[in-house]
PDB file of N, CA and C in Angstrom:
ATOM      1  N   UNK A   1     -14.234 -52.411  66.346  1.00  0.00           N
ATOM      2  CA  UNK A   1     -14.625 -51.192  67.008  1.00  0.00           C
ATOM      3  C   UNK A   1     -13.524 -50.145  67.021  1.00  0.00           C
ATOM      4  N   UNK A   2     -12.271 -50.548  67.073  1.00  0.00           N
ATOM      5  CA  UNK A   2     -11.190 -49.564  67.157  1.00  0.00           C
ATOM      6  C   UNK A   2     -11.088 -48.745  65.876  1.00  0.00           C
ATOM      7  N   UNK A   3     -11.442 -49.329  64.728  1.00  0.00           N
ATOM      8  CA  UNK A   3     -11.439 -48.586  63.469  1.00  0.00           C
ATOM      9  C   UNK A   3     -12.480 -47.492  63.474  1.00  0.00           C
ATOM     10  N   UNK A   4     -13.650 -47.777  64.044  1.00  0.00           N
ATOM     11  CA  UNK A   4     -14.710 -46.772  64.143  1.00  0.00           C
ATOM     12  C   UNK A   4     -14.298 -45.652  65.086  1.00  0.00           C
ATOM     13  N   UNK A   5     -13.680 -45.997  66.192  1.00  0.00           N
ATOM     14  CA  UNK A   5     -13.202 -44.976  67.143  1.00  0.00           C
ATOM     15  C   UNK A   5     -12.139 -44.087  66.500  1.00  0.00           C
ATOM     16  N   UNK A   6     -11.276 -44.683  65.720  1.00  0.00           N
ATOM     17  CA  UNK A   6     -10.235 -43.922  65.039  1.00  0.00           C
ATOM     18  C   UNK A   6     -10.863 -42.934  64.059  1.00  0.00           C
ATOM     19  N   UNK A   7     -11.841 -43.379  63.283  1.00  0.00           N
ATOM     20  CA  UNK A   7     -12.515 -42.492  62.336  1.00  0.00           C
ATOM     21  C   UNK A   7     -13.222 -41.352  63.045  1.00  0.00           C
ATOM     22  N   UNK A   8     -13.900 -41.659  64.134  1.00  0.00           N
ATOM     23  CA  UNK A   8     -14.591 -40.614  64.902  1.00  0.00           C
ATOM     24  C   UNK A   8     -13.582 -39.621  65.459  1.00  0.00           C
ATOM     25  N   UNK A   9     -12.471 -40.105  65.920  1.00  0.00           N
ATOM     26  CA  UNK A   9     -11.426 -39.216  66.438  1.00  0.00           C
ATOM     27  C   UNK A   9     -10.859 -38.309  65.365  1.00  0.00           C
ATOM     28  N   UNK A  10     -10.637 -38.857  64.187  1.00  0.00           N
ATOM     29  CA  UNK A  10     -10.108 -38.052  63.077  1.00  0.00           C
ATOM     30  C   UNK A  10     -11.105 -36.972  62.680  1.00  0.00           C
ATOM     31  N   UNK A  11     -12.384 -37.335  62.599  1.00  0.00           N
ATOM     32  CA  UNK A  11     -13.414 -36.350  62.255  1.00  0.00           C
ATOM     33  C   UNK A  11     -13.488 -35.266  63.323  1.00  0.00           C
ATOM     34  N   UNK A  12     -13.373 -35.629  64.580  1.00  0.00           N
ATOM     35  CA  UNK A  12     -13.421 -34.645  65.667  1.00  0.00           C
ATOM     36  C   UNK A  12     -12.239 -33.679  65.592  1.00  0.00           C
ATOM     37  N   UNK A  13     -11.066 -34.197  65.294  1.00  0.00           N
ATOM     38  CA  UNK A  13      -9.882 -33.338  65.174  1.00  0.00           C
ATOM     39  C   UNK A  13     -10.024 -32.391  63.984  1.00  0.00           C
ATOM     40  N   UNK A  14     -10.500 -32.885  62.862  1.00  0.00           N
ATOM     41  CA  UNK A  14     -10.694 -32.039  61.680  1.00  0.00           C
ATOM     42  C   UNK A  14     -11.711 -30.948  61.976  1.00  0.00           C
ATOM     43  N   UNK A  15     -12.805 -31.292  62.636  1.00  0.00           N
ATOM     44  CA  UNK A  15     -13.829 -30.297  62.977  1.00  0.00           C
ATOM     45  C   UNK A  15     -13.272 -29.257  63.947  1.00  0.00           C
ATOM     46  N   UNK A  16     -12.461 -29.693  64.887  1.00  0.00           N
ATOM     47  CA  UNK A  16     -11.879 -28.761  65.859  1.00  0.00           C
ATOM     48  C   UNK A  16     -10.908 -27.796  65.200  1.00  0.00           C
ATOM     49  N   UNK A  17     -10.232 -28.222  64.150  1.00  0.00           N
ATOM     50  CA  UNK A  17      -9.296 -27.349  63.447  1.00  0.00           C
ATOM     51  C   UNK A  17      -9.982 -26.492  62.393  1.00  0.00           C
ATOM     52  N   UNK A  18     -11.058 -26.982  61.794  1.00  0.00           N
ATOM     53  CA  UNK A  18     -11.727 -26.265  60.713  1.00  0.00           C
ATOM     54  C   UNK A  18     -12.518 -25.065  61.215  1.00  0.00           C
ATOM     55  N   UNK A  19     -13.125 -25.155  62.382  1.00  0.00           N
ATOM     56  CA  UNK A  19     -13.945 -24.054  62.892  1.00  0.00           C
ATOM     57  C   UNK A  19     -13.118 -22.787  63.122  1.00  0.00           C
ATOM     58  N   UNK A  20     -11.991 -22.834  63.818  1.00  0.00           N
ATOM     59  CA  UNK A  20     -11.192 -21.608  63.977  1.00  0.00           C
ATOM     60  C   UNK A  20     -10.618 -21.102  62.657  1.00  0.00           C
ATOM     61  N   UNK A  21     -10.284 -22.006  61.752  1.00  0.00           N
ATOM     62  CA  UNK A  21      -9.748 -21.579  60.462  1.00  0.00           C
ATOM     63  C   UNK A  21     -10.804 -20.817  59.674  1.00  0.00           C
ATOM     64  N   UNK A  22     -12.038 -21.297  59.690  1.00  0.00           N
ATOM     65  CA  UNK A  22     -13.116 -20.600  58.987  1.00  0.00           C
ATOM     66  C   UNK A  22     -13.369 -19.239  59.617  1.00  0.00           C
ATOM     67  N   UNK A  23     -13.297 -19.149  60.934  1.00  0.00           N
ATOM     68  CA  UNK A  23     -13.502 -17.876  61.620  1.00  0.00           C
ATOM     69  C   UNK A  23     -12.383 -16.896  61.267  1.00  0.00           C
ATOM     70  N   UNK A  24     -11.167 -17.378  61.165  1.00  0.00           N
ATOM     71  CA  UNK A  24     -10.027 -16.503  60.864  1.00  0.00           C
ATOM     72  C   UNK A  24     -10.079 -15.990  59.434  1.00  0.00           C
ATOM     73  N   UNK A  25     -10.655 -16.740  58.519  1.00  0.00           N
ATOM     74  CA  UNK A  25     -10.708 -16.331  57.118  1.00  0.00           C
ATOM     75  C   UNK A  25     -11.921 -15.463  56.794  1.00  0.00           C
ATOM     76  N   UNK A  26     -12.839 -15.281  57.732  1.00  0.00           N
ATOM     77  CA  UNK A  26     -14.036 -14.483  57.490  1.00  0.00           C
ATOM     78  C   UNK A  26     -13.726 -13.062  57.040  1.00  0.00           C
ATOM     79  N   UNK A  27     -12.755 -12.344  57.623  1.00  0.00           N
ATOM     80  CA  UNK A  27     -12.484 -10.979  57.151  1.00  0.00           C
ATOM     81  C   UNK A  27     -12.064 -10.914  55.683  1.00  0.00           C
ATOM     82  N   UNK A  28     -11.493 -11.968  55.163  1.00  0.00           N
ATOM     83  CA  UNK A  28     -11.081 -11.964  53.767  1.00  0.00           C
ATOM     84  C   UNK A  28     -12.279 -12.023  52.819  1.00  0.00           C
ATOM     85  N   UNK A  29     -13.389 -12.539  53.277  1.00  0.00           N
ATOM     86  CA  UNK A  29     -14.566 -12.674  52.430  1.00  0.00           C
ATOM     87  C   UNK A  29     -15.362 -11.376  52.317  1.00  0.00           C
ATOM     88  N   UNK A  30     -15.051 -10.390  53.136  1.00  0.00           N
ATOM     89  CA  UNK A  30     -15.839  -9.158  53.138  1.00  0.00           C
ATOM     90  C   UNK A  30     -15.364  -8.163  52.096  1.00  0.00           C
ATOM     91  N   UNK A  31     -14.214  -8.347  51.518  1.00  0.00           N
ATOM     92  CA  UNK A  31     -13.637  -7.433  50.531  1.00  0.00           C
ATOM     93  C   UNK A  31     -13.373  -6.050  51.121  1.00  0.00           C
ATOM     94  N   UNK A  32     -13.226  -5.971  52.417  1.00  0.00           N
ATOM     95  CA  UNK A  32     -12.894  -4.697  53.062  1.00  0.00           C
ATOM     96  C   UNK A  32     -11.384  -4.650  53.282  1.00  0.00           C
ATOM     97  N   UNK A  33     -10.803  -3.501  53.033  1.00  0.00           N
ATOM     98  CA  UNK A  33      -9.370  -3.341  53.232  1.00  0.00           C
ATOM     99  C   UNK A  33      -9.126  -2.433  54.420  1.00  0.00           C
ATOM    100  N   UNK A  34      -7.975  -2.564  55.084  1.00  0.00           N
ATOM    101  CA  UNK A  34      -7.659  -1.707  56.215  1.00  0.00           C
ATOM    102  C   UNK A  34      -7.478  -0.257  55.764  1.00  0.00           C
ATOM    103  N   UNK A  35      -7.633   0.695  56.679  1.00  0.00           N
ATOM    104  CA  UNK A  35      -7.414   2.103  56.322  1.00  0.00           C
ATOM    105  C   UNK A  35      -6.000   2.311  55.780  1.00  0.00           C
ATOM    106  N   UNK A  36      -5.888   3.099  54.736  1.00  0.00           N
ATOM    107  CA  UNK A  36      -4.591   3.378  54.133  1.00  0.00           C
ATOM    108  C   UNK A  36      -4.219   2.436  53.002  1.00  0.00           C
ATOM    109  N   UNK A  37      -4.904   1.319  52.904  1.00  0.00           N
ATOM    110  CA  UNK A  37      -4.624   0.366  51.827  1.00  0.00           C
ATOM    111  C   UNK A  37      -5.598   0.619  50.694  1.00  0.00           C
ATOM    112  N   UNK A  38      -5.127   0.616  49.444  1.00  0.00           N
ATOM    113  CA  UNK A  38      -6.055   0.800  48.331  1.00  0.00           C
ATOM    114  C   UNK A  38      -7.036  -0.367  48.259  1.00  0.00           C
ATOM    115  N   UNK A  39      -8.213  -0.148  47.692  1.00  0.00           N
ATOM    116  CA  UNK A  39      -9.191  -1.227  47.620  1.00  0.00           C
ATOM    117  C   UNK A  39      -8.708  -2.378  46.745  1.00  0.00           C
ATOM    118  N   UNK A  40      -9.268  -3.537  46.991  1.00  0.00           N
ATOM    119  CA  UNK A  40      -8.914  -4.714  46.206  1.00  0.00           C
ATOM    120  C   UNK A  40      -9.385  -4.548  44.775  1.00  0.00           C
ATOM    121  N   UNK A  41      -8.634  -5.112  43.859  1.00  0.00           N
ATOM    122  CA  UNK A  41      -8.992  -5.077  42.439  1.00  0.00           C
ATOM    123  C   UNK A  41      -9.346  -6.492  42.014  1.00  0.00           C
ATOM    124  N   UNK A  42     -10.304  -6.614  41.151  1.00  0.00           N
ATOM    125  CA  UNK A  42     -10.616  -7.929  40.603  1.00  0.00           C
ATOM    126  C   UNK A  42     -10.478  -7.875  39.087  1.00  0.00           C
ATOM    127  N   UNK A  43     -10.129  -9.012  38.527  1.00  0.00           N
ATOM    128  CA  UNK A  43      -9.921  -9.108  37.089  1.00  0.00           C
ATOM    129  C   UNK A  43     -11.200  -9.663  36.475  1.00  0.00           C
ATOM    130  N   UNK A  44     -11.783  -8.916  35.551  1.00  0.00           N
ATOM    131  CA  UNK A  44     -12.980  -9.383  34.856  1.00  0.00           C
ATOM    132  C   UNK A  44     -12.630  -9.551  33.379  1.00  0.00           C
ATOM    133  N   UNK A  45     -12.721 -10.749  32.916  1.00  0.00           N
ATOM    134  CA  UNK A  45     -12.378 -11.004  31.522  1.00  0.00           C
ATOM    135  C   UNK A  45     -10.919 -11.361  31.353  1.00  0.00           C
ATOM    136  N   UNK A  46     -10.449 -11.259  30.129  1.00  0.00           N
ATOM    137  CA  UNK A  46      -9.075 -11.661  29.817  1.00  0.00           C
ATOM    138  C   UNK A  46      -8.141 -10.483  29.575  1.00  0.00           C
ATOM    139  N   UNK A  47      -8.657  -9.261  29.646  1.00  0.00           N
ATOM    140  CA  UNK A  47      -7.829  -8.083  29.402  1.00  0.00           C
ATOM    141  C   UNK A  47      -7.077  -7.710  30.680  1.00  0.00           C
ATOM    142  N   UNK A  48      -5.765  -7.899  30.681  1.00  0.00           N
ATOM    143  CA  UNK A  48      -4.947  -7.622  31.863  1.00  0.00           C
ATOM    144  C   UNK A  48      -4.276  -6.258  31.810  1.00  0.00           C
ATOM    145  N   UNK A  49      -4.629  -5.425  30.845  1.00  0.00           N
ATOM    146  CA  UNK A  49      -4.011  -4.108  30.720  1.00  0.00           C
ATOM    147  C   UNK A  49      -4.202  -3.256  31.976  1.00  0.00           C
ATOM    148  N   UNK A  50      -5.416  -3.168  32.557  1.00  0.00           N
ATOM    149  CA  UNK A  50      -5.558  -2.376  33.788  1.00  0.00           C
ATOM    150  C   UNK A  50      -4.728  -2.921  34.947  1.00  0.00           C
ATOM    151  N   UNK A  51      -4.618  -4.229  35.033  1.00  0.00           N
ATOM    152  CA  UNK A  51      -3.819  -4.838  36.106  1.00  0.00           C
ATOM    153  C   UNK A  51      -2.345  -4.506  35.911  1.00  0.00           C
ATOM    154  N   UNK A  52      -1.871  -4.587  34.690  1.00  0.00           N
ATOM    155  CA  UNK A  52      -0.474  -4.270  34.391  1.00  0.00           C
ATOM    156  C   UNK A  52      -0.175  -2.807  34.722  1.00  0.00           C
ATOM    157  N   UNK A  53      -1.104  -1.914  34.377  1.00  0.00           N
ATOM    158  CA  UNK A  53      -0.908  -0.489  34.650  1.00  0.00           C
ATOM    159  C   UNK A  53      -0.859  -0.225  36.152  1.00  0.00           C
ATOM    160  N   UNK A  54      -1.756  -0.856  36.918  1.00  0.00           N
ATOM    161  CA  UNK A  54      -1.734  -0.682  38.375  1.00  0.00           C
ATOM    162  C   UNK A  54      -0.443  -1.228  38.976  1.00  0.00           C
ATOM    163  N   UNK A  55       0.006  -2.368  38.477  1.00  0.00           N
ATOM    164  CA  UNK A  55       1.214  -2.992  39.014  1.00  0.00           C
ATOM    165  C   UNK A  55       2.450  -2.151  38.703  1.00  0.00           C
ATOM    166  N   UNK A  56       2.533  -1.620  37.502  1.00  0.00           N
ATOM    167  CA  UNK A  56       3.712  -0.862  37.086  1.00  0.00           C
ATOM    168  C   UNK A  56       3.697   0.588  37.551  1.00  0.00           C
ATOM    169  N   UNK A  57       2.568   1.047  38.075  1.00  0.00           N
ATOM    170  CA  UNK A  57       2.449   2.444  38.488  1.00  0.00           C
ATOM    171  C   UNK A  57       3.451   2.798  39.585  1.00  0.00           C
ATOM    172  N   UNK A  58       3.719   1.881  40.489  1.00  0.00           N
ATOM    173  CA  UNK A  58       4.655   2.147  41.581  1.00  0.00           C
ATOM    174  C   UNK A  58       5.827   1.178  41.491  1.00  0.00           C
ATOM    175  N   UNK A  59       6.583   1.284  40.428  1.00  0.00           N
ATOM    176  CA  UNK A  59       7.689   0.355  40.188  1.00  0.00           C
ATOM    177  C   UNK A  59       8.853   0.555  41.157  1.00  0.00           C
ATOM    178  N   UNK A  60       8.892   1.685  41.844  1.00  0.00           N
ATOM    179  CA  UNK A  60       9.992   1.938  42.775  1.00  0.00           C
ATOM    180  C   UNK A  60       9.733   1.329  44.157  1.00  0.00           C
ATOM    181  N   UNK A  61       8.593   0.709  44.361  1.00  0.00           N
ATOM    182  CA  UNK A  61       8.250   0.100  45.644  1.00  0.00           C
ATOM    183  C   UNK A  61       8.086  -1.411  45.479  1.00  0.00           C
ATOM    184  N   UNK A  62       8.278  -2.151  46.575  1.00  0.00           N
ATOM    185  CA  UNK A  62       7.987  -3.591  46.500  1.00  0.00           C
ATOM    186  C   UNK A  62       6.489  -3.793  46.268  1.00  0.00           C
ATOM    187  N   UNK A  63       6.147  -4.747  45.408  1.00  0.00           N
ATOM    188  CA  UNK A  63       4.757  -5.036  45.100  1.00  0.00           C
ATOM    189  C   UNK A  63       4.517  -6.530  45.214  1.00  0.00           C
ATOM    190  N   UNK A  64       3.268  -6.880  45.362  1.00  0.00           N
ATOM    191  CA  UNK A  64       2.890  -8.283  45.459  1.00  0.00           C
ATOM    192  C   UNK A  64       1.664  -8.499  44.599  1.00  0.00           C
ATOM    193  N   UNK A  65       1.736  -9.456  43.718  1.00  0.00           N
ATOM    194  CA  UNK A  65       0.619  -9.813  42.855  1.00  0.00           C
ATOM    195  C   UNK A  65       0.172 -11.211  43.248  1.00  0.00           C
ATOM    196  N   UNK A  66      -1.065 -11.347  43.697  1.00  0.00           N
ATOM    197  CA  UNK A  66      -1.592 -12.633  44.142  1.00  0.00           C
ATOM    198  C   UNK A  66      -2.710 -13.029  43.193  1.00  0.00           C
ATOM    199  N   UNK A  67      -2.590 -14.188  42.613  1.00  0.00           N
ATOM    200  CA  UNK A  67      -3.604 -14.704  41.700  1.00  0.00           C
ATOM    201  C   UNK A  67      -4.218 -15.929  42.359  1.00  0.00           C
ATOM    202  N   UNK A  68      -5.488 -15.831  42.696  1.00  0.00           N
ATOM    203  CA  UNK A  68      -6.187 -16.932  43.343  1.00  0.00           C
ATOM    204  C   UNK A  68      -7.149 -17.558  42.358  1.00  0.00           C
ATOM    205  N   UNK A  69      -7.250 -18.852  42.411  1.00  0.00           N
ATOM    206  CA  UNK A  69      -8.124 -19.574  41.505  1.00  0.00           C
ATOM    207  C   UNK A  69      -8.901 -20.611  42.291  1.00  0.00           C
ATOM    208  N   UNK A  70     -10.156 -20.844  41.944  1.00  0.00           N
ATOM    209  CA  UNK A  70     -10.922 -21.858  42.694  1.00  0.00           C
ATOM    210  C   UNK A  70     -10.530 -23.284  42.370  1.00  0.00           C
ATOM    211  N   UNK A  71      -9.639 -23.481  41.420  1.00  0.00           N
ATOM    212  CA  UNK A  71      -9.265 -24.848  41.068  1.00  0.00           C
ATOM    213  C   UNK A  71      -7.910 -25.210  41.592  1.00  0.00           C
TER     214      UNK A  71
END
C-alpha cells in the first residue's frame, strides 16, 4: 500500500505544480507583444535572409535570438 500512496502523492504534487505553470505560460501562446515591442517574427521555410536582416538592422544594440523547437 505504501507504494500506491507514494505514486498518488507524486501525481498530486506534479498536478499542483503543472496548473500554475500552464496558467503562467498562457500569455506566450497568444502571440501578443507588449506596447513598444515589435511584433514577433516567425520563420517559414529554410530561407533565413529576412531573419538575418532583422537581426543585423540594429547591430549597435544588444539583441537576443531565440530558436524554439518542438523536439
